[in-house]
């Protein structure tokens, strides 16, 4: 039986790297598209056995080049996303226009599935440019191609993320840590291996025309996330509720002075909304797409030692 040919955009990110390992182990043939082969190749080539992954460099994509890549493919997975805008990348281009183009090419080439990574809670945070662009991208895909699957995950975490790792770095440095909206914003953190399992089962079960809200096994407020990280680091920190005007001031400074801001004004808007299932769509739990979901506290302890004094030697002995 001929293995399925899968095209992946955004494979060098946290989810992409874990997904490549999972798909190639299951004998799917994967083609990865990257803008910079020299910078990304060392990351990507280590994720799969030779022969199961092909890497294509595409710096300035046009319709003809993209069409060639889509030929003879069965599935397209788009994992590309940004957390903040810059001169080269806008939310609209990355989250709306690009998915629209990929959906058009999926239809033209009769693909069996187009899987798009979106985000949980985008229908609520309509005053956020990030959320609006994600939602617009979803709507464009649904208009164009019936064989879509849109995934809306809550926060995806692992040792390779930019969420728990950044927070642990900051908690390690600062004895007082500001929290906004009193830290009451709720999340359903999902481990990267669980989101990859969801994608694998969507492919294996040939699921189509679904929007799936992807959640972990527990609801945790932002304040409790910080408390769990502090506990895993075995440190004491003061979590100080900060006025919104101070948060906006810091966000402005970060956006002006940092290439990758620690906080943006748009992220501050998102923090005002719970990252929770809407009830309008099925979840990964409803569809039984996971066997054993991982719990946040048990997973972060596996890598939080890297932020402790003593590093590897600070790990508890069994």
C-alpha atoms as a PDB file:
ATOM      1  CA  UNK A   1       0.000   0.000   0.000  1.00  0.00           C
ATOM      2  CA  UNK A   2       1.394   3.385  -1.070  1.00  0.00           C
ATOM      3  CA  UNK A   3       2.168   5.601   1.956  1.00  0.00           C
ATOM      4  CA  UNK A   4       0.272   8.874   2.204  1.00  0.00           C
ATOM      5  CA  UNK A   5       2.163  11.936   0.974  1.00  0.00           C
ATOM      6  CA  UNK A   6       1.906  14.788   3.462  1.00  0.00           C
ATOM      7  CA  UNK A   7       2.916  18.403   2.878  1.00  0.00           C
ATOM      8  CA  UNK A   8       3.796  20.398   6.013  1.00  0.00           C
ATOM      9  CA  UNK A   9       4.186  24.160   6.317  1.00  0.00           C
ATOM     10  CA  UNK A  10       5.711  25.483   9.549  1.00  0.00           C
ATOM     11  CA  UNK A  11       7.505  22.266  10.446  1.00  0.00           C
ATOM     12  CA  UNK A  12      10.433  23.880  12.261  1.00  0.00           C
ATOM     13  CA  UNK A  13       8.290  25.121  15.154  1.00  0.00           C
ATOM     14  CA  UNK A  14       7.472  23.319  18.388  1.00  0.00           C
ATOM     15  CA  UNK A  15       4.513  21.325  17.018  1.00  0.00           C
ATOM     16  CA  UNK A  16       6.110  20.731  13.626  1.00  0.00           C
ATOM     17  CA  UNK A  17       9.271  19.100  14.951  1.00  0.00           C
ATOM     18  CA  UNK A  18       7.339  16.706  17.174  1.00  0.00           C
ATOM     19  CA  UNK A  19       4.831  15.992  14.398  1.00  0.00           C
ATOM     20  CA  UNK A  20       7.535  15.100  11.853  1.00  0.00           C
ATOM     21  CA  UNK A  21       8.889  12.427  14.165  1.00  0.00           C
ATOM     22  CA  UNK A  22       5.425  10.992  14.739  1.00  0.00           C
ATOM     23  CA  UNK A  23       4.339  10.964  11.095  1.00  0.00           C
ATOM     24  CA  UNK A  24       7.546   9.460   9.698  1.00  0.00           C
ATOM     25  CA  UNK A  25       7.541   6.759  12.386  1.00  0.00           C
ATOM     26  CA  UNK A  26       4.082   5.805  11.097  1.00  0.00           C
ATOM     27  CA  UNK A  27       5.534   5.521   7.570  1.00  0.00           C
ATOM     28  CA  UNK A  28       3.949   8.660   6.137  1.00  0.00           C
ATOM     29  CA  UNK A  29       6.121  10.374   3.526  1.00  0.00           C
ATOM     30  CA  UNK A  30       6.520  14.017   4.481  1.00  0.00           C
ATOM     31  CA  UNK A  31       7.518  17.031   2.392  1.00  0.00           C
ATOM     32  CA  UNK A  32       8.531  20.052   4.444  1.00  0.00           C
ATOM     33  CA  UNK A  33       8.474  23.584   3.048  1.00  0.00           C
ATOM     34  CA  UNK A  34      10.856  26.119   4.594  1.00  0.00           C
ATOM     35  CA  UNK A  35      11.906  29.656   3.693  1.00  0.00           C
ATOM     36  CA  UNK A  36      15.527  29.184   4.777  1.00  0.00           C
ATOM     37  CA  UNK A  37      17.063  25.760   4.231  1.00  0.00           C
ATOM     38  CA  UNK A  38      20.471  26.706   5.635  1.00  0.00           C
ATOM     39  CA  UNK A  39      19.019  27.949   8.908  1.00  0.00           C
ATOM     40  CA  UNK A  40      16.356  25.256   9.368  1.00  0.00           C
ATOM     41  CA  UNK A  41      17.890  22.140   7.807  1.00  0.00           C
ATOM     42  CA  UNK A  42      19.875  21.085  10.872  1.00  0.00           C
ATOM     43  CA  UNK A  43      16.660  21.146  12.924  1.00  0.00           C
ATOM     44  CA  UNK A  44      14.486  19.391  10.359  1.00  0.00           C
ATOM     45  CA  UNK A  45      16.844  16.673   9.112  1.00  0.00           C
ATOM     46  CA  UNK A  46      17.258  15.249  12.605  1.00  0.00           C
ATOM     47  CA  UNK A  47      13.509  14.646  12.968  1.00  0.00           C
ATOM     48  CA  UNK A  48      13.124  11.717  10.556  1.00  0.00           C
ATOM     49  CA  UNK A  49      14.913   8.716   9.088  1.00  0.00           C
ATOM     50  CA  UNK A  50      16.460   9.207   5.618  1.00  0.00           C
ATOM     51  CA  UNK A  51      14.008   8.622   2.799  1.00  0.00           C
ATOM     52  CA  UNK A  52      10.882   9.584   4.709  1.00  0.00           C
ATOM     53  CA  UNK A  53      11.262  13.344   4.576  1.00  0.00           C
ATOM     54  CA  UNK A  54      11.961  15.761   1.754  1.00  0.00           C
ATOM     55  CA  UNK A  55      12.837  19.409   2.469  1.00  0.00           C
ATOM     56  CA  UNK A  56      12.024  22.124  -0.076  1.00  0.00           C
ATOM     57  CA  UNK A  57      13.278  25.697   0.191  1.00  0.00           C
ATOM     58  CA  UNK A  58      10.742  28.282  -0.972  1.00  0.00           C
ATOM     59  CA  UNK A  59      11.714  31.836  -0.086  1.00  0.00           C
ATOM     60  CA  UNK A  60       9.409  33.775  -2.423  1.00  0.00           C
ATOM     61  CA  UNK A  61       6.460  31.504  -3.177  1.00  0.00           C
ATOM     62  CA  UNK A  62       4.221  32.124  -6.171  1.00  0.00           C
ATOM     63  CA  UNK A  63       1.271  30.157  -7.534  1.00  0.00           C
ATOM     64  CA  UNK A  64       3.325  28.121 -10.009  1.00  0.00           C
ATOM     65  CA  UNK A  65       5.977  27.090  -7.482  1.00  0.00           C
ATOM     66  CA  UNK A  66       3.385  26.183  -4.873  1.00  0.00           C
ATOM     67  CA  UNK A  67       1.330  24.208  -7.416  1.00  0.00           C
ATOM     68  CA  UNK A  68       4.348  22.048  -8.225  1.00  0.00           C
ATOM     69  CA  UNK A  69       4.827  21.243  -4.548  1.00  0.00           C
ATOM     70  CA  UNK A  70       1.147  20.292  -4.115  1.00  0.00           C
ATOM     71  CA  UNK A  71       1.134  17.803  -7.003  1.00  0.00           C
ATOM     72  CA  UNK A  72       0.637  14.166  -5.993  1.00  0.00           C
ATOM     73  CA  UNK A  73       0.141  15.065  -2.335  1.00  0.00           C
ATOM     74  CA  UNK A  74      -2.656  13.622  -0.205  1.00  0.00           C
ATOM     75  CA  UNK A  75      -2.699  15.976   2.779  1.00  0.00           C
ATOM     76  CA  UNK A  76      -1.549  19.514   3.565  1.00  0.00           C
ATOM     77  CA  UNK A  77      -0.899  20.620   7.156  1.00  0.00           C
ATOM     78  CA  UNK A  78      -0.395  24.318   7.890  1.00  0.00           C
ATOM     79  CA  UNK A  79       1.225  25.071  11.251  1.00  0.00           C
ATOM     80  CA  UNK A  80       2.492  28.558  10.398  1.00  0.00           C
ATOM     81  CA  UNK A  81       1.578  31.261  12.875  1.00  0.00           C
ATOM     82  CA  UNK A  82       3.022  34.356  14.534  1.00  0.00           C
ATOM     83  CA  UNK A  83       2.477  35.840  17.991  1.00  0.00           C
ATOM     84  CA  UNK A  84       3.306  39.417  17.020  1.00  0.00           C
ATOM     85  CA  UNK A  85       3.551  41.415  13.821  1.00  0.00           C
ATOM     86  CA  UNK A  86       6.653  42.936  12.255  1.00  0.00           C
ATOM     87  CA  UNK A  87       7.557  44.738   9.039  1.00  0.00           C
ATOM     88  CA  UNK A  88       7.794  41.483   7.085  1.00  0.00           C
ATOM     89  CA  UNK A  89       4.869  39.540   8.559  1.00  0.00           C
ATOM     90  CA  UNK A  90       1.373  40.752   9.379  1.00  0.00           C
ATOM     91  CA  UNK A  91      -1.367  38.768  11.104  1.00  0.00           C
ATOM     92  CA  UNK A  92      -3.570  39.104   8.024  1.00  0.00           C
ATOM     93  CA  UNK A  93      -0.916  37.753   5.628  1.00  0.00           C
ATOM     94  CA  UNK A  94       0.115  34.818   7.822  1.00  0.00           C
ATOM     95  CA  UNK A  95      -3.192  33.799   9.419  1.00  0.00           C
ATOM     96  CA  UNK A  96      -5.658  34.652   6.659  1.00  0.00           C
ATOM     97  CA  UNK A  97      -4.191  35.111   3.175  1.00  0.00           C
ATOM     98  CA  UNK A  98      -1.695  32.233   3.401  1.00  0.00           C
ATOM     99  CA  UNK A  99      -4.251  29.624   4.629  1.00  0.00           C
ATOM    100  CA  UNK A 100      -6.644  30.859   1.928  1.00  0.00           C
ATOM    101  CA  UNK A 101      -3.994  30.237  -0.741  1.00  0.00           C
ATOM    102  CA  UNK A 102      -3.148  26.798   0.641  1.00  0.00           C
ATOM    103  CA  UNK A 103      -6.857  25.860   0.713  1.00  0.00           C
ATOM    104  CA  UNK A 104      -7.207  26.925  -2.944  1.00  0.00           C
ATOM    105  CA  UNK A 105      -4.224  24.772  -3.918  1.00  0.00           C
ATOM    106  CA  UNK A 106      -5.574  21.854  -1.882  1.00  0.00           C
ATOM    107  CA  UNK A 107      -8.825  22.071  -3.842  1.00  0.00           C
ATOM    108  CA  UNK A 108      -7.091  22.445  -7.221  1.00  0.00           C
ATOM    109  CA  UNK A 109      -4.968  19.353  -6.553  1.00  0.00           C
ATOM    110  CA  UNK A 110      -7.787  17.236  -5.074  1.00  0.00           C
ATOM    111  CA  UNK A 111      -6.147  16.700  -1.696  1.00  0.00           C
ATOM    112  CA  UNK A 112      -7.932  14.432   0.765  1.00  0.00           C
ATOM    113  CA  UNK A 113      -7.425  16.760   3.742  1.00  0.00           C
ATOM    114  CA  UNK A 114      -6.252  20.249   4.594  1.00  0.00           C
ATOM    115  CA  UNK A 115      -5.436  20.609   8.294  1.00  0.00           C
ATOM    116  CA  UNK A 116      -5.140  24.169   9.614  1.00  0.00           C
ATOM    117  CA  UNK A 117      -3.844  25.107  13.059  1.00  0.00           C
ATOM    118  CA  UNK A 118      -5.866  27.960  14.522  1.00  0.00           C
ATOM    119  CA  UNK A 119      -6.357  28.885  18.198  1.00  0.00           C
ATOM    120  CA  UNK A 120      -8.924  28.415  20.948  1.00  0.00           C
ATOM    121  CA  UNK A 121     -11.125  31.365  21.867  1.00  0.00           C
ATOM    122  CA  UNK A 122     -10.746  33.340  18.626  1.00  0.00           C
ATOM    123  CA  UNK A 123     -14.494  33.917  18.340  1.00  0.00           C
ATOM    124  CA  UNK A 124     -14.545  35.724  21.695  1.00  0.00           C
ATOM    125  CA  UNK A 125     -11.560  38.063  21.371  1.00  0.00           C
ATOM    126  CA  UNK A 126     -12.797  40.038  18.382  1.00  0.00           C
ATOM    127  CA  UNK A 127     -10.964  43.175  19.544  1.00  0.00           C
ATOM    128  CA  UNK A 128      -7.664  41.315  19.086  1.00  0.00           C
ATOM    129  CA  UNK A 129      -5.948  41.529  15.683  1.00  0.00           C
ATOM    130  CA  UNK A 130      -4.403  38.089  16.274  1.00  0.00           C
ATOM    131  CA  UNK A 131      -7.744  36.437  17.026  1.00  0.00           C
ATOM    132  CA  UNK A 132      -9.582  38.212  14.207  1.00  0.00           C
ATOM    133  CA  UNK A 133      -6.960  37.163  11.652  1.00  0.00           C
ATOM    134  CA  UNK A 134      -7.160  33.534  12.809  1.00  0.00           C
ATOM    135  CA  UNK A 135     -10.964  33.577  12.562  1.00  0.00           C
ATOM    136  CA  UNK A 136     -10.889  35.198   9.121  1.00  0.00           C
ATOM    137  CA  UNK A 137      -8.464  32.517   7.965  1.00  0.00           C
ATOM    138  CA  UNK A 138     -10.800  29.777   9.196  1.00  0.00           C
ATOM    139  CA  UNK A 139     -13.753  31.328   7.369  1.00  0.00           C
ATOM    140  CA  UNK A 140     -11.806  31.634   4.106  1.00  0.00           C
ATOM    141  CA  UNK A 141     -10.811  27.959   4.278  1.00  0.00           C
ATOM    142  CA  UNK A 142     -14.401  26.832   4.893  1.00  0.00           C
ATOM    143  CA  UNK A 143     -15.620  28.807   1.870  1.00  0.00           C
ATOM    144  CA  UNK A 144     -13.042  27.235  -0.449  1.00  0.00           C
ATOM    145  CA  UNK A 145     -12.412  23.600   0.507  1.00  0.00           C
ATOM    146  CA  UNK A 146     -14.773  21.068   2.071  1.00  0.00           C
ATOM    147  CA  UNK A 147     -12.056  18.626   3.152  1.00  0.00           C
ATOM    148  CA  UNK A 148     -10.770  20.943   5.866  1.00  0.00           C
ATOM    149  CA  UNK A 149     -10.008  20.214   9.505  1.00  0.00           C
ATOM    150  CA  UNK A 150      -9.457  23.263  11.686  1.00  0.00           C
ATOM    151  CA  UNK A 151      -7.735  22.689  15.015  1.00  0.00           C
ATOM    152  CA  UNK A 152      -8.230  25.194  17.817  1.00  0.00           C
ATOM    153  CA  UNK A 153      -5.782  24.310  20.585  1.00  0.00           C
ATOM    154  CA  UNK A 154      -5.434  25.991  23.935  1.00  0.00           C
ATOM    155  CA  UNK A 155      -1.843  26.752  24.966  1.00  0.00           C
ATOM    156  CA  UNK A 156       0.497  24.045  23.617  1.00  0.00           C
ATOM    157  CA  UNK A 157       3.430  23.428  25.936  1.00  0.00           C
ATOM    158  CA  UNK A 158       6.625  21.375  26.093  1.00  0.00           C
ATOM    159  CA  UNK A 159      10.345  21.836  26.644  1.00  0.00           C
ATOM    160  CA  UNK A 160      10.437  23.371  23.134  1.00  0.00           C
ATOM    161  CA  UNK A 161       7.710  25.962  23.705  1.00  0.00           C
ATOM    162  CA  UNK A 162       7.931  29.739  24.058  1.00  0.00           C
ATOM    163  CA  UNK A 163       5.442  29.891  26.904  1.00  0.00           C
ATOM    164  CA  UNK A 164       6.473  27.839  29.938  1.00  0.00           C
ATOM    165  CA  UNK A 165      10.157  28.206  29.088  1.00  0.00           C
ATOM    166  CA  UNK A 166       9.915  32.004  28.848  1.00  0.00           C
ATOM    167  CA  UNK A 167       7.903  32.193  32.075  1.00  0.00           C
ATOM    168  CA  UNK A 168      10.431  30.025  33.932  1.00  0.00           C
ATOM    169  CA  UNK A 169      13.284  32.203  32.682  1.00  0.00           C
ATOM    170  CA  UNK A 170      11.514  35.316  33.943  1.00  0.00           C
ATOM    171  CA  UNK A 171      10.467  33.747  37.254  1.00  0.00           C
ATOM    172  CA  UNK A 172      14.062  32.725  37.831  1.00  0.00           C
ATOM    173  CA  UNK A 173      15.230  36.320  37.331  1.00  0.00           C
ATOM    174  CA  UNK A 174      12.583  38.418  39.071  1.00  0.00           C
ATOM    175  CA  UNK A 175      11.558  38.034  42.750  1.00  0.00           C
ATOM    176  CA  UNK A 176       8.317  39.933  42.045  1.00  0.00           C
ATOM    177  CA  UNK A 177       6.249  38.928  39.014  1.00  0.00           C
ATOM    178  CA  UNK A 178       3.339  41.042  37.696  1.00  0.00           C
ATOM    179  CA  UNK A 179       0.030  39.423  36.848  1.00  0.00           C
ATOM    180  CA  UNK A 180      -2.699  41.096  34.824  1.00  0.00           C
ATOM    181  CA  UNK A 181      -6.483  40.742  35.184  1.00  0.00           C
ATOM    182  CA  UNK A 182      -5.630  39.257  38.608  1.00  0.00           C
ATOM    183  CA  UNK A 183      -4.363  36.127  36.849  1.00  0.00           C
ATOM    184  CA  UNK A 184      -7.928  34.834  36.438  1.00  0.00           C
ATOM    185  CA  UNK A 185      -7.725  34.010  32.720  1.00  0.00           C
ATOM    186  CA  UNK A 186      -8.399  30.274  32.277  1.00  0.00           C
ATOM    187  CA  UNK A 187      -6.518  27.910  29.968  1.00  0.00           C
ATOM    188  CA  UNK A 188      -6.656  24.214  29.099  1.00  0.00           C
ATOM    189  CA  UNK A 189      -2.939  23.556  28.437  1.00  0.00           C
ATOM    190  CA  UNK A 190      -2.296  20.673  26.056  1.00  0.00           C
ATOM    191  CA  UNK A 191       1.069  18.935  25.699  1.00  0.00           C
ATOM    192  CA  UNK A 192       2.677  18.988  22.255  1.00  0.00           C
ATOM    193  CA  UNK A 193       2.685  15.179  22.060  1.00  0.00           C
ATOM    194  CA  UNK A 194      -1.100  15.202  22.598  1.00  0.00           C
ATOM    195  CA  UNK A 195      -1.727  17.707  19.800  1.00  0.00           C
ATOM    196  CA  UNK A 196       0.446  15.576  17.496  1.00  0.00           C
ATOM    197  CA  UNK A 197      -1.559  12.492  18.459  1.00  0.00           C
ATOM    198  CA  UNK A 198      -4.725  14.374  17.508  1.00  0.00           C
ATOM    199  CA  UNK A 199      -3.316  15.218  14.065  1.00  0.00           C
ATOM    200  CA  UNK A 200      -2.179  11.635  13.499  1.00  0.00           C
ATOM    201  CA  UNK A 201      -5.648  10.292  14.369  1.00  0.00           C
ATOM    202  CA  UNK A 202      -7.348  12.873  12.142  1.00  0.00           C
ATOM    203  CA  UNK A 203      -5.246  11.578   9.258  1.00  0.00           C
ATOM    204  CA  UNK A 204      -5.719   7.895  10.103  1.00  0.00           C
ATOM    205  CA  UNK A 205      -9.487   8.251  10.605  1.00  0.00           C
ATOM    206  CA  UNK A 206      -9.825  10.506   7.524  1.00  0.00           C
ATOM    207  CA  UNK A 207     -11.785  13.149   9.430  1.00  0.00           C
ATOM    208  CA  UNK A 208     -13.035  16.043   7.287  1.00  0.00           C
ATOM    209  CA  UNK A 209     -15.197  19.158   7.532  1.00  0.00           C
ATOM    210  CA  UNK A 210     -14.633  19.566  11.258  1.00  0.00           C
ATOM    211  CA  UNK A 211     -13.547  22.346  13.581  1.00  0.00           C
ATOM    212  CA  UNK A 212     -12.041  20.681  16.641  1.00  0.00           C
ATOM    213  CA  UNK A 213     -11.270  22.453  19.907  1.00  0.00           C
ATOM    214  CA  UNK A 214      -8.150  20.829  21.345  1.00  0.00           C
ATOM    215  CA  UNK A 215      -7.826  20.908  25.115  1.00  0.00           C
ATOM    216  CA  UNK A 216      -5.796  19.329  27.863  1.00  0.00           C
ATOM    217  CA  UNK A 217      -7.340  17.396  30.777  1.00  0.00           C
ATOM    218  CA  UNK A 218      -7.569  20.316  33.234  1.00  0.00           C
ATOM    219  CA  UNK A 219      -8.643  23.950  33.435  1.00  0.00           C
ATOM    220  CA  UNK A 220      -5.920  26.133  34.971  1.00  0.00           C
ATOM    221  CA  UNK A 221      -5.935  29.885  35.556  1.00  0.00           C
ATOM    222  CA  UNK A 222      -2.890  31.924  34.557  1.00  0.00           C
ATOM    223  CA  UNK A 223      -2.137  32.541  38.234  1.00  0.00           C
ATOM    224  CA  UNK A 224      -2.204  28.805  38.963  1.00  0.00           C
ATOM    225  CA  UNK A 225       0.035  28.140  35.952  1.00  0.00           C
ATOM    226  CA  UNK A 226       2.595  30.514  37.462  1.00  0.00           C
ATOM    227  CA  UNK A 227       2.228  28.902  40.870  1.00  0.00           C
ATOM    228  CA  UNK A 228       2.833  25.452  39.392  1.00  0.00           C
ATOM    229  CA  UNK A 229       5.939  26.727  37.583  1.00  0.00           C
ATOM    230  CA  UNK A 230       7.226  28.349  40.788  1.00  0.00           C
ATOM    231  CA  UNK A 231       6.668  25.087  42.658  1.00  0.00           C
ATOM    232  CA  UNK A 232       8.516  23.091  39.991  1.00  0.00           C
ATOM    233  CA  UNK A 233      11.455  25.508  40.222  1.00  0.00           C
ATOM    234  CA  UNK A 234      11.485  25.177  44.021  1.00  0.00           C
ATOM    235  CA  UNK A 235      11.638  28.957  44.517  1.00  0.00           C
ATOM    236  CA  UNK A 236       9.563  31.633  46.244  1.00  0.00           C
ATOM    237  CA  UNK A 237       8.112  34.466  44.211  1.00  0.00           C
ATOM    238  CA  UNK A 238       5.569  37.232  44.816  1.00  0.00           C
ATOM    239  CA  UNK A 239       2.796  37.382  42.225  1.00  0.00           C
ATOM    240  CA  UNK A 240       1.702  41.004  42.219  1.00  0.00           C
ATOM    241  CA  UNK A 241      -1.549  42.099  40.525  1.00  0.00           C
ATOM    242  CA  UNK A 242      -0.632  45.055  38.311  1.00  0.00           C
ATOM    243  CA  UNK A 243      -2.905  47.817  36.967  1.00  0.00           C
ATOM    244  CA  UNK A 244      -3.757  47.602  33.292  1.00  0.00           C
ATOM    245  CA  UNK A 245      -2.189  50.982  32.446  1.00  0.00           C
ATOM    246  CA  UNK A 246       1.189  49.686  33.695  1.00  0.00           C
ATOM    247  CA  UNK A 247       0.816  46.566  31.551  1.00  0.00           C
ATOM    248  CA  UNK A 248       0.070  48.722  28.491  1.00  0.00           C
ATOM    249  CA  UNK A 249       3.089  50.886  29.249  1.00  0.00           C
ATOM    250  CA  UNK A 250       5.388  47.841  29.437  1.00  0.00           C
ATOM    251  CA  UNK A 251       3.843  46.372  26.275  1.00  0.00           C
ATOM    252  CA  UNK A 252       4.556  49.610  24.399  1.00  0.00           C
ATOM    253  CA  UNK A 253       8.173  49.636  25.593  1.00  0.00           C
ATOM    254  CA  UNK A 254       8.666  45.956  24.699  1.00  0.00           C
ATOM    255  CA  UNK A 255       7.211  46.453  21.208  1.00  0.00           C
ATOM    256  CA  UNK A 256       9.506  49.409  20.514  1.00  0.00           C
ATOM    257  CA  UNK A 257      12.725  47.995  21.975  1.00  0.00           C
ATOM    258  CA  UNK A 258      12.546  44.203  21.424  1.00  0.00           C
ATOM    259  CA  UNK A 259      12.594  42.093  18.271  1.00  0.00           C
ATOM    260  CA  UNK A 260      10.541  39.434  20.064  1.00  0.00           C
ATOM    261  CA  UNK A 261       8.536  41.363  22.682  1.00  0.00           C
ATOM    262  CA  UNK A 262       7.856  39.701  26.036  1.00  0.00           C
ATOM    263  CA  UNK A 263       4.362  41.205  25.902  1.00  0.00           C
ATOM    264  CA  UNK A 264       2.411  43.094  23.228  1.00  0.00           C
ATOM    265  CA  UNK A 265      -0.722  45.222  23.447  1.00  0.00           C
ATOM    266  CA  UNK A 266      -2.590  42.603  21.403  1.00  0.00           C
ATOM    267  CA  UNK A 267      -1.516  39.784  23.743  1.00  0.00           C
ATOM    268  CA  UNK A 268      -2.759  41.897  26.631  1.00  0.00           C
ATOM    269  CA  UNK A 269      -6.176  42.001  24.962  1.00  0.00           C
ATOM    270  CA  UNK A 270      -6.137  38.204  24.557  1.00  0.00           C
ATOM    271  CA  UNK A 271      -5.366  37.764  28.258  1.00  0.00           C
ATOM    272  CA  UNK A 272      -8.734  39.314  29.029  1.00  0.00           C
ATOM    273  CA  UNK A 273     -10.534  36.292  27.532  1.00  0.00           C
ATOM    274  CA  UNK A 274     -10.700  32.735  28.828  1.00  0.00           C
ATOM    275  CA  UNK A 275      -8.979  30.220  26.564  1.00  0.00           C
ATOM    276  CA  UNK A 276     -11.801  27.701  26.946  1.00  0.00           C
ATOM    277  CA  UNK A 277     -14.003  25.485  24.730  1.00  0.00           C
ATOM    278  CA  UNK A 278     -16.908  27.412  23.199  1.00  0.00           C
ATOM    279  CA  UNK A 279     -19.372  24.525  23.247  1.00  0.00           C
ATOM    280  CA  UNK A 280     -20.115  25.141  19.546  1.00  0.00           C
ATOM    281  CA  UNK A 281     -17.664  22.529  18.275  1.00  0.00           C
ATOM    282  CA  UNK A 282     -16.532  19.050  19.211  1.00  0.00           C
ATOM    283  CA  UNK A 283     -13.376  18.657  21.267  1.00  0.00           C
ATOM    284  CA  UNK A 284     -10.618  16.084  21.038  1.00  0.00           C
ATOM    285  CA  UNK A 285     -12.267  14.461  24.068  1.00  0.00           C
ATOM    286  CA  UNK A 286     -15.640  14.197  22.292  1.00  0.00           C
ATOM    287  CA  UNK A 287     -13.989  12.554  19.276  1.00  0.00           C
ATOM    288  CA  UNK A 288     -11.746  10.330  21.446  1.00  0.00           C
ATOM    289  CA  UNK A 289      -8.612  11.438  19.621  1.00  0.00           C
ATOM    290  CA  UNK A 290      -6.308  10.912  22.630  1.00  0.00           C
ATOM    291  CA  UNK A 291      -5.582   7.900  24.786  1.00  0.00           C
ATOM    292  CA  UNK A 292      -4.016   9.472  27.865  1.00  0.00           C
ATOM    293  CA  UNK A 293      -3.765  13.247  28.006  1.00  0.00           C
ATOM    294  CA  UNK A 294      -0.780  14.583  29.903  1.00  0.00           C
ATOM    295  CA  UNK A 295      -1.157  16.704  33.034  1.00  0.00           C
ATOM    296  CA  UNK A 296       0.594  20.063  33.183  1.00  0.00           C
ATOM    297  CA  UNK A 297       2.334  19.741  36.547  1.00  0.00           C
ATOM    298  CA  UNK A 298       3.658  16.238  35.842  1.00  0.00           C
ATOM    299  CA  UNK A 299       5.117  17.298  32.496  1.00  0.00           C
ATOM    300  CA  UNK A 300       6.802  20.584  33.432  1.00  0.00           C
ATOM    301  CA  UNK A 301       8.713  18.876  36.238  1.00  0.00           C
ATOM    302  CA  UNK A 302      10.473  16.831  33.536  1.00  0.00           C
ATOM    303  CA  UNK A 303      12.256  19.895  32.170  1.00  0.00           C
ATOM    304  CA  UNK A 304      12.036  22.612  34.828  1.00  0.00           C
ATOM    305  CA  UNK A 305      15.320  21.338  36.334  1.00  0.00           C
ATOM    306  CA  UNK A 306      17.095  23.215  33.510  1.00  0.00           C
ATOM    307  CA  UNK A 307      16.166  26.472  35.247  1.00  0.00           C
ATOM    308  CA  UNK A 308      17.232  25.302  38.702  1.00  0.00           C
ATOM    309  CA  UNK A 309      20.582  25.839  40.368  1.00  0.00           C
ATOM    310  CA  UNK A 310      22.497  22.641  39.727  1.00  0.00           C
ATOM    311  CA  UNK A 311      20.569  21.824  36.553  1.00  0.00           C
ATOM    312  CA  UNK A 312      20.580  18.064  35.924  1.00  0.00           C
ATOM    313  CA  UNK A 313      21.928  17.408  39.418  1.00  0.00           C
ATOM    314  CA  UNK A 314      18.921  19.122  41.013  1.00  0.00           C
ATOM    315  CA  UNK A 315      16.559  16.398  39.786  1.00  0.00           C
ATOM    316  CA  UNK A 316      14.910  14.289  42.446  1.00  0.00           C
ATOM    317  CA  UNK A 317      16.271  10.790  42.731  1.00  0.00           C
ATOM    318  CA  UNK A 318      13.804   7.917  42.427  1.00  0.00           C
END
